[in-house]
Amino acid sequence: MLFFLTEAKVGELLGQDLGWAARALHETVLRETANRGRQRLMNIQLYDANGFESSNVRVASSPWFEMYGSDFGWGKGLAVLSGSANKFDGKISVFPGKVEGGSIDLEVCLLPHVMAALELDEELLDALLPSY
């Protein structure tokens, strides 16, 4: 597992829109070149996911696997889940979406009180729900 760090103060996150946070994550990924990734693989360390502070958010996945393309005789998949062994508060798994054209699917693991607060966040709901 490679860790690429994007840092922001709480005030920065609260003072910006969702696009600002997404752009910060995107810029971090762009900075991590293949060379730097290889260097980090040579010095890899093992981490216990439970050892992170609860205020952290971890985003993980890989665009290398076509999640919806496989058909084992039951039809193509309806959803992608990461499995029960890899769940902890603040874990976000990102998968290439089922809808072609650049969509993404998110699996978000949050404590119930955090999820309840997000369900009341109008800016988030406006960004996630299609307007008709």
Protein backbone atom coordinates (compact mmCIF):
# COMPACT_ATOMS: atom_id res chain seq x y z
CA MET A 1 0.00 0.00 0.00
CA LEU A 2 1.38 3.41 -0.92
CA PHE A 3 0.37 6.46 1.03
CA PHE A 4 0.22 9.82 -0.68
CA LEU A 5 -0.56 12.64 1.71
CA THR A 6 -2.79 15.62 0.98
CA GLU A 7 -3.02 17.97 3.94
CA ALA A 8 -5.55 20.68 4.73
CA LYS A 9 -6.56 22.52 7.87
CA VAL A 10 -10.16 22.19 9.04
CA GLY A 11 -10.72 25.89 8.33
CA GLU A 12 -9.50 25.46 4.76
CA LEU A 13 -11.91 22.58 4.15
CA LEU A 14 -14.84 24.40 5.71
CA GLY A 15 -14.08 27.59 3.79
CA GLN A 16 -14.00 25.94 0.38
CA ASP A 17 -16.41 23.94 -1.76
CA LEU A 18 -16.20 20.20 -2.45
CA GLY A 19 -14.39 20.79 -5.73
CA TRP A 20 -11.50 22.41 -3.86
CA ALA A 21 -10.95 19.25 -1.79
CA ALA A 22 -11.26 16.99 -4.85
CA ARG A 23 -8.78 19.19 -6.73
CA ALA A 24 -6.30 18.98 -3.83
CA LEU A 25 -6.49 15.16 -3.91
CA HIS A 26 -6.14 15.15 -7.71
CA GLU A 27 -3.06 17.40 -7.61
CA THR A 28 -1.41 15.09 -5.07
CA VAL A 29 -1.95 12.10 -7.36
CA LEU A 30 -0.53 14.02 -10.34
CA ARG A 31 2.62 14.91 -8.36
CA GLU A 32 3.29 11.25 -7.59
CA THR A 33 5.13 10.17 -10.73
CA ALA A 34 5.78 6.55 -11.66
CA ASN A 35 9.42 7.02 -10.65
CA ARG A 36 8.53 8.26 -7.20
CA GLY A 37 6.04 5.42 -6.80
CA ARG A 38 8.75 2.88 -7.67
CA GLN A 39 11.11 4.47 -5.13
CA ARG A 40 8.45 4.20 -2.47
CA LEU A 41 7.83 0.54 -3.35
CA MET A 42 11.50 -0.17 -2.70
CA ASN A 43 11.13 1.26 0.83
CA ILE A 44 7.67 -0.10 1.58
CA GLN A 45 6.53 -0.48 5.18
CA LEU A 46 3.52 -2.26 6.60
CA TYR A 47 0.90 -0.23 8.44
CA ASP A 48 -2.04 -1.19 10.59
CA ALA A 49 -5.06 0.75 9.33
CA ASN A 50 -6.40 0.94 12.88
CA GLY A 51 -3.30 2.88 13.93
CA PHE A 52 -4.42 6.05 12.17
CA GLU A 53 -6.13 8.91 13.95
CA SER A 54 -9.90 8.85 13.68
CA SER A 55 -9.93 12.32 12.09
CA ASN A 56 -8.15 10.98 9.00
CA VAL A 57 -9.80 10.04 5.74
CA ARG A 58 -8.20 7.30 3.64
CA VAL A 59 -8.98 6.93 -0.05
CA ALA A 60 -7.98 3.69 -1.74
CA SER A 61 -8.49 1.66 -4.89
CA SER A 62 -7.02 1.11 -8.31
CA PRO A 63 -8.23 2.05 -11.80
CA TRP A 64 -6.36 -0.96 -13.22
CA PHE A 65 -9.23 -3.40 -12.83
CA GLU A 66 -12.45 -3.20 -14.80
CA MET A 67 -14.88 -4.01 -12.02
CA TYR A 68 -18.03 -4.30 -14.12
CA GLY A 69 -16.57 -6.05 -17.18
CA SER A 70 -16.47 -9.60 -15.79
CA ASP A 71 -19.36 -11.98 -16.36
CA PHE A 72 -19.09 -15.36 -14.65
CA GLY A 73 -22.35 -16.62 -16.08
CA TRP A 74 -24.64 -14.72 -13.69
CA GLY A 75 -24.63 -11.47 -15.66
CA LYS A 76 -22.50 -8.40 -15.12
CA GLY A 77 -22.11 -6.92 -11.66
CA LEU A 78 -24.63 -4.45 -10.26
CA ALA A 79 -22.35 -2.93 -7.61
CA VAL A 80 -18.78 -3.16 -6.34
CA LEU A 81 -17.96 -3.61 -2.66
CA SER A 82 -14.53 -4.00 -1.09
CA GLY A 83 -15.35 -6.77 1.39
CA SER A 84 -15.92 -6.86 5.12
CA ALA A 85 -12.27 -7.20 6.17
CA ASN A 86 -11.30 -3.75 4.92
CA LYS A 87 -13.77 -1.50 6.73
CA PHE A 88 -12.96 1.24 9.21
CA ASP A 89 -14.13 4.76 9.95
CA GLY A 90 -12.98 7.20 7.30
CA LYS A 91 -12.22 4.59 4.60
CA ILE A 92 -13.30 5.52 1.07
CA SER A 93 -12.89 3.06 -1.82
CA VAL A 94 -13.06 4.53 -5.31
CA PHE A 95 -13.85 2.36 -8.34
CA PRO A 96 -14.29 3.17 -12.03
CA GLY A 97 -18.05 3.59 -12.39
CA LYS A 98 -20.57 1.32 -14.03
CA VAL A 99 -21.82 4.20 -16.20
CA GLU A 100 -19.25 4.73 -18.95
CA GLY A 101 -17.80 8.13 -19.66
CA GLY A 102 -15.73 8.76 -16.55
CA SER A 103 -18.16 7.97 -13.75
CA ILE A 104 -16.90 6.73 -10.38
CA ASP A 105 -18.44 4.61 -7.66
CA LEU A 106 -17.63 5.35 -4.03
CA GLU A 107 -17.86 3.06 -1.04
CA VAL A 108 -17.71 5.24 2.08
CA CYS A 109 -17.30 3.82 5.60
CA LEU A 110 -18.25 6.25 8.36
CA LEU A 111 -19.50 6.07 11.91
CA PRO A 112 -23.30 6.44 12.13
CA HIS A 113 -23.22 9.96 13.64
CA VAL A 114 -20.86 11.18 10.90
CA MET A 115 -23.05 9.68 8.16
CA ALA A 116 -26.14 11.28 9.73
CA ALA A 117 -24.43 14.70 9.61
CA LEU A 118 -23.48 14.21 5.94
CA GLU A 119 -27.07 13.31 5.07
CA LEU A 120 -28.06 16.80 6.29
CA ASP A 121 -25.32 18.62 4.32
CA GLU A 122 -27.15 20.46 1.53
CA GLU A 123 -23.99 21.28 -0.46
CA LEU A 124 -22.97 17.61 -0.50
CA LEU A 125 -26.45 16.44 -1.48
CA ASP A 126 -26.61 19.00 -4.30
CA ALA A 127 -23.28 17.70 -5.62
CA LEU A 128 -24.25 14.01 -5.39
CA LEU A 129 -27.88 13.96 -6.44
CA PRO A 130 -28.80 14.63 -10.06
CA SER A 131 -31.02 17.62 -10.68
CA TYR A 132 -33.97 17.03 -12.98
